[in-house]
Amino acid sequence: MEKRKIHVLIVISMMLMTIFVAFPIKKPVKANPSSGEDLIDIDLDLQFIYNVTQNLSTVIYDAYSDGELEKGRAFGSKGEHFAADYLVSLLTNI
């Protein structure tokens, strides 16, 4: 019985350790723009990616009025058009 408790504690502690992962705000990424050339560094702006993802996840609240059937970003829905307009305006400003 004692061995079982120890095994459970080890498994739980290993699961808890995997939760605590630190993510940097910008992560350098090696990329090859065309074959045969040296790799170059690309900085990913994780905060920007988070903000875009957050805005796209709230489409159901932003695109629809009260009382409307909220379909999210389903094909052809009001939410899809809202998300498309958001992405177009975002990417033209970059």
N, C-alpha and C. Protein backbone atom coordinates (compact mmCIF):
# COMPACT_ATOMS: atom_id res chain seq x y z
N MET A 1 0.83 -1.19 0.00
CA MET A 1 0.00 0.00 0.00
C MET A 1 0.87 1.26 0.00
N GLU A 2 1.98 1.22 0.72
CA GLU A 2 2.89 2.38 0.77
C GLU A 2 3.51 2.66 -0.58
N LYS A 3 3.87 1.59 -1.33
CA LYS A 3 4.45 1.78 -2.65
C LYS A 3 3.46 2.46 -3.58
N ARG A 4 2.21 2.10 -3.46
CA ARG A 4 1.17 2.69 -4.30
C ARG A 4 1.04 4.19 -4.02
N LYS A 5 1.08 4.57 -2.74
CA LYS A 5 0.98 5.98 -2.38
C LYS A 5 2.17 6.76 -2.92
N ILE A 6 3.34 6.19 -2.85
CA ILE A 6 4.54 6.85 -3.35
C ILE A 6 4.45 7.02 -4.86
N HIS A 7 4.00 6.00 -5.55
CA HIS A 7 3.86 6.08 -7.01
C HIS A 7 2.84 7.15 -7.40
N VAL A 8 1.75 7.22 -6.67
CA VAL A 8 0.73 8.24 -6.95
C VAL A 8 1.31 9.63 -6.72
N LEU A 9 2.05 9.82 -5.65
CA LEU A 9 2.65 11.12 -5.37
C LEU A 9 3.67 11.50 -6.45
N ILE A 10 4.44 10.55 -6.92
CA ILE A 10 5.41 10.83 -7.98
C ILE A 10 4.70 11.22 -9.27
N VAL A 11 3.66 10.50 -9.62
CA VAL A 11 2.92 10.81 -10.85
C VAL A 11 2.26 12.18 -10.74
N ILE A 12 1.66 12.48 -9.61
CA ILE A 12 1.02 13.79 -9.42
C ILE A 12 2.04 14.90 -9.47
N SER A 13 3.19 14.71 -8.84
CA SER A 13 4.21 15.76 -8.85
C SER A 13 4.76 15.97 -10.26
N MET A 14 4.90 14.90 -11.04
CA MET A 14 5.36 15.05 -12.42
C MET A 14 4.33 15.79 -13.26
N MET A 15 3.05 15.52 -13.03
CA MET A 15 1.99 16.22 -13.76
C MET A 15 1.98 17.70 -13.40
N LEU A 16 2.18 18.02 -12.14
CA LEU A 16 2.19 19.41 -11.72
C LEU A 16 3.39 20.17 -12.26
N MET A 17 4.53 19.50 -12.40
CA MET A 17 5.73 20.16 -12.92
C MET A 17 5.56 20.53 -14.38
N THR A 18 4.77 19.77 -15.13
CA THR A 18 4.60 20.09 -16.55
C THR A 18 3.70 21.31 -16.75
N ILE A 19 2.97 21.71 -15.73
CA ILE A 19 2.09 22.88 -15.84
C ILE A 19 2.91 24.16 -15.87
N PHE A 20 3.97 24.22 -15.11
CA PHE A 20 4.74 25.44 -14.93
C PHE A 20 5.78 25.58 -16.04
N VAL A 21 5.36 26.20 -17.13
CA VAL A 21 6.24 26.43 -18.26
C VAL A 21 6.21 27.93 -18.53
N ALA A 22 7.38 28.53 -18.66
CA ALA A 22 7.45 29.97 -18.92
C ALA A 22 7.61 30.20 -20.41
N PHE A 23 6.80 31.09 -20.95
CA PHE A 23 6.88 31.45 -22.36
C PHE A 23 7.43 32.86 -22.48
N PRO A 24 8.47 33.04 -23.28
CA PRO A 24 8.98 34.40 -23.49
C PRO A 24 8.02 35.20 -24.36
N ILE A 25 8.09 36.53 -24.26
CA ILE A 25 7.23 37.38 -25.07
C ILE A 25 7.59 37.26 -26.54
N LYS A 26 8.87 37.27 -26.87
CA LYS A 26 9.30 37.08 -28.25
C LYS A 26 10.21 35.86 -28.31
N LYS A 27 9.93 35.00 -29.23
CA LYS A 27 10.71 33.77 -29.36
C LYS A 27 11.41 33.77 -30.71
N PRO A 28 12.74 33.69 -30.72
CA PRO A 28 13.44 33.66 -32.01
C PRO A 28 13.19 32.34 -32.73
N VAL A 29 12.94 32.44 -34.02
CA VAL A 29 12.66 31.27 -34.84
C VAL A 29 13.62 31.28 -36.01
N LYS A 30 14.21 30.14 -36.31
CA LYS A 30 15.08 30.02 -37.47
C LYS A 30 14.24 29.67 -38.67
N ALA A 31 14.43 30.40 -39.76
CA ALA A 31 13.64 30.15 -40.97
C ALA A 31 14.55 30.20 -42.18
N ASN A 32 14.18 29.46 -43.19
CA ASN A 32 14.91 29.43 -44.44
C ASN A 32 14.01 30.02 -45.52
N PRO A 33 14.24 31.31 -45.89
CA PRO A 33 13.34 31.95 -46.84
C PRO A 33 13.33 31.29 -48.22
N SER A 34 14.43 30.75 -48.65
CA SER A 34 14.47 30.00 -49.89
C SER A 34 15.51 28.91 -49.74
N SER A 35 15.32 27.84 -50.44
CA SER A 35 16.20 26.70 -50.25
C SER A 35 17.64 27.03 -50.65
N GLY A 36 18.56 26.49 -49.89
CA GLY A 36 19.96 26.66 -50.20
C GLY A 36 20.63 27.84 -49.52
N GLU A 37 19.87 28.69 -48.83
CA GLU A 37 20.47 29.84 -48.16
C GLU A 37 20.58 29.58 -46.66
N ASP A 38 21.32 30.47 -46.01
CA ASP A 38 21.48 30.35 -44.56
C ASP A 38 20.17 30.66 -43.85
N LEU A 39 20.06 30.12 -42.64
CA LEU A 39 18.88 30.39 -41.83
C LEU A 39 18.95 31.80 -41.28
N ILE A 40 17.79 32.44 -41.16
CA ILE A 40 17.73 33.78 -40.58
C ILE A 40 16.83 33.73 -39.35
N ASP A 41 17.03 34.68 -38.44
CA ASP A 41 16.21 34.77 -37.24
C ASP A 41 14.93 35.55 -37.52
N ILE A 42 13.81 35.03 -37.04
CA ILE A 42 12.54 35.72 -37.12
C ILE A 42 11.99 35.80 -35.69
N ASP A 43 11.64 37.00 -35.26
CA ASP A 43 11.05 37.15 -33.92
C ASP A 43 9.55 37.04 -34.01
N LEU A 44 8.97 36.12 -33.24
CA LEU A 44 7.53 35.99 -33.17
C LEU A 44 7.04 36.88 -32.03
N ASP A 45 6.10 37.73 -32.32
CA ASP A 45 5.50 38.58 -31.29
C ASP A 45 4.33 37.82 -30.68
N LEU A 46 4.60 37.13 -29.58
CA LEU A 46 3.59 36.28 -28.97
C LEU A 46 2.43 37.08 -28.41
N GLN A 47 2.68 38.30 -27.97
CA GLN A 47 1.60 39.14 -27.46
C GLN A 47 0.64 39.52 -28.59
N PHE A 48 1.18 39.83 -29.77
CA PHE A 48 0.36 40.14 -30.94
C PHE A 48 -0.49 38.93 -31.33
N ILE A 49 0.13 37.75 -31.35
CA ILE A 49 -0.58 36.51 -31.69
C ILE A 49 -1.70 36.26 -30.68
N TYR A 50 -1.40 36.48 -29.41
CA TYR A 50 -2.41 36.30 -28.36
C TYR A 50 -3.58 37.26 -28.56
N ASN A 51 -3.27 38.53 -28.85
CA ASN A 51 -4.33 39.53 -29.03
C ASN A 51 -5.23 39.18 -30.22
N VAL A 52 -4.64 38.75 -31.32
CA VAL A 52 -5.44 38.37 -32.49
C VAL A 52 -6.31 37.17 -32.16
N THR A 53 -5.74 36.18 -31.51
CA THR A 53 -6.50 34.99 -31.14
C THR A 53 -7.63 35.35 -30.17
N GLN A 54 -7.33 36.22 -29.23
CA GLN A 54 -8.35 36.65 -28.27
C GLN A 54 -9.49 37.38 -28.98
N ASN A 55 -9.16 38.27 -29.91
CA ASN A 55 -10.20 39.00 -30.64
C ASN A 55 -11.03 38.07 -31.51
N LEU A 56 -10.41 37.08 -32.12
CA LEU A 56 -11.16 36.13 -32.94
C LEU A 56 -12.03 35.21 -32.10
N SER A 57 -11.63 34.98 -30.87
CA SER A 57 -12.42 34.10 -30.02
C SER A 57 -13.65 34.81 -29.45
N THR A 58 -13.69 36.13 -29.52
CA THR A 58 -14.84 36.87 -29.01
C THR A 58 -15.77 37.33 -30.12
N VAL A 59 -15.63 36.77 -31.31
CA VAL A 59 -16.47 37.14 -32.45
C VAL A 59 -17.95 36.95 -32.12
N ILE A 60 -18.26 35.91 -31.40
CA ILE A 60 -19.67 35.62 -31.09
C ILE A 60 -20.30 36.74 -30.28
N TYR A 61 -19.50 37.48 -29.51
CA TYR A 61 -20.02 38.59 -28.71
C TYR A 61 -20.01 39.89 -29.49
N ASP A 62 -19.04 40.05 -30.41
CA ASP A 62 -18.87 41.32 -31.12
C ASP A 62 -19.72 41.42 -32.38
N ALA A 63 -19.97 40.33 -33.07
CA ALA A 63 -20.61 40.37 -34.38
C ALA A 63 -22.13 40.33 -34.30
N TYR A 64 -22.67 39.77 -33.24
CA TYR A 64 -24.10 39.55 -33.18
C TYR A 64 -24.76 40.50 -32.18
N SER A 65 -25.99 40.90 -32.50
CA SER A 65 -26.79 41.72 -31.60
C SER A 65 -27.55 40.81 -30.65
N ASP A 66 -28.12 41.40 -29.61
CA ASP A 66 -28.93 40.62 -28.68
C ASP A 66 -30.15 40.05 -29.40
N GLY A 67 -30.46 38.82 -29.15
CA GLY A 67 -31.62 38.18 -29.74
C GLY A 67 -31.34 37.47 -31.05
N GLU A 68 -30.16 37.69 -31.64
CA GLU A 68 -29.81 37.00 -32.89
C GLU A 68 -29.27 35.61 -32.58
N LEU A 69 -29.42 34.71 -33.55
CA LEU A 69 -28.86 33.37 -33.42
C LEU A 69 -27.35 33.47 -33.62
N GLU A 70 -26.60 33.18 -32.59
CA GLU A 70 -25.14 33.32 -32.63
C GLU A 70 -24.52 32.03 -33.14
N LYS A 71 -23.95 32.08 -34.35
CA LYS A 71 -23.36 30.89 -34.96
C LYS A 71 -21.85 30.89 -34.89
N GLY A 72 -21.26 31.85 -34.23
CA GLY A 72 -19.80 31.90 -34.17
C GLY A 72 -19.22 32.30 -35.50
N ARG A 73 -18.17 31.56 -35.96
CA ARG A 73 -17.53 31.87 -37.24
C ARG A 73 -17.84 30.79 -38.28
N ALA A 74 -19.03 30.22 -38.22
CA ALA A 74 -19.43 29.18 -39.18
C ALA A 74 -19.45 29.77 -40.59
N PHE A 75 -19.30 28.91 -41.58
CA PHE A 75 -19.21 29.33 -42.98
C PHE A 75 -20.43 30.15 -43.39
N GLY A 76 -20.19 31.33 -43.93
CA GLY A 76 -21.25 32.19 -44.42
C GLY A 76 -22.01 32.95 -43.36
N SER A 77 -21.61 32.82 -42.11
CA SER A 77 -22.34 33.48 -41.03
C SER A 77 -21.86 34.92 -40.87
N LYS A 78 -22.61 35.65 -40.07
CA LYS A 78 -22.25 37.03 -39.76
C LYS A 78 -20.90 37.08 -39.03
N GLY A 79 -20.65 36.10 -38.19
CA GLY A 79 -19.39 36.03 -37.46
C GLY A 79 -18.20 35.80 -38.37
N GLU A 80 -18.40 34.98 -39.42
CA GLU A 80 -17.31 34.75 -40.36
C GLU A 80 -16.96 36.03 -41.10
N HIS A 81 -17.96 36.77 -41.52
CA HIS A 81 -17.72 38.03 -42.23
C HIS A 81 -17.06 39.05 -41.31
N PHE A 82 -17.48 39.07 -40.06
CA PHE A 82 -16.86 39.96 -39.07
C PHE A 82 -15.38 39.61 -38.88
N ALA A 83 -15.08 38.31 -38.74
CA ALA A 83 -13.70 37.86 -38.57
C ALA A 83 -12.87 38.15 -39.81
N ALA A 84 -13.45 37.96 -40.99
CA ALA A 84 -12.72 38.25 -42.24
C ALA A 84 -12.40 39.73 -42.34
N ASP A 85 -13.35 40.59 -42.03
CA ASP A 85 -13.11 42.03 -42.08
C ASP A 85 -12.05 42.44 -41.06
N TYR A 86 -12.09 41.82 -39.88
CA TYR A 86 -11.08 42.11 -38.85
C TYR A 86 -9.69 41.72 -39.34
N LEU A 87 -9.56 40.54 -39.93
CA LEU A 87 -8.25 40.08 -40.41
C LEU A 87 -7.74 40.93 -41.57
N VAL A 88 -8.64 41.32 -42.47
CA VAL A 88 -8.23 42.17 -43.60
C VAL A 88 -7.70 43.51 -43.09
N SER A 89 -8.42 44.12 -42.17
CA SER A 89 -7.97 45.41 -41.65
C SER A 89 -6.68 45.26 -40.85
N LEU A 90 -6.56 44.17 -40.14
CA LEU A 90 -5.34 43.94 -39.35
C LEU A 90 -4.13 43.74 -40.25
N LEU A 91 -4.28 42.93 -41.28
CA LEU A 91 -3.15 42.59 -42.13
C LEU A 91 -2.78 43.73 -43.10
N THR A 92 -3.73 44.58 -43.45
CA THR A 92 -3.37 45.73 -44.30
C THR A 92 -2.62 46.80 -43.51
N ASN A 93 -2.77 46.79 -42.20
CA ASN A 93 -2.07 47.77 -41.36
C ASN A 93 -0.67 47.34 -40.98
N ILE A 94 -0.30 46.12 -41.30
CA ILE A 94 1.04 45.62 -40.92
C ILE A 94 2.07 46.16 -41.89
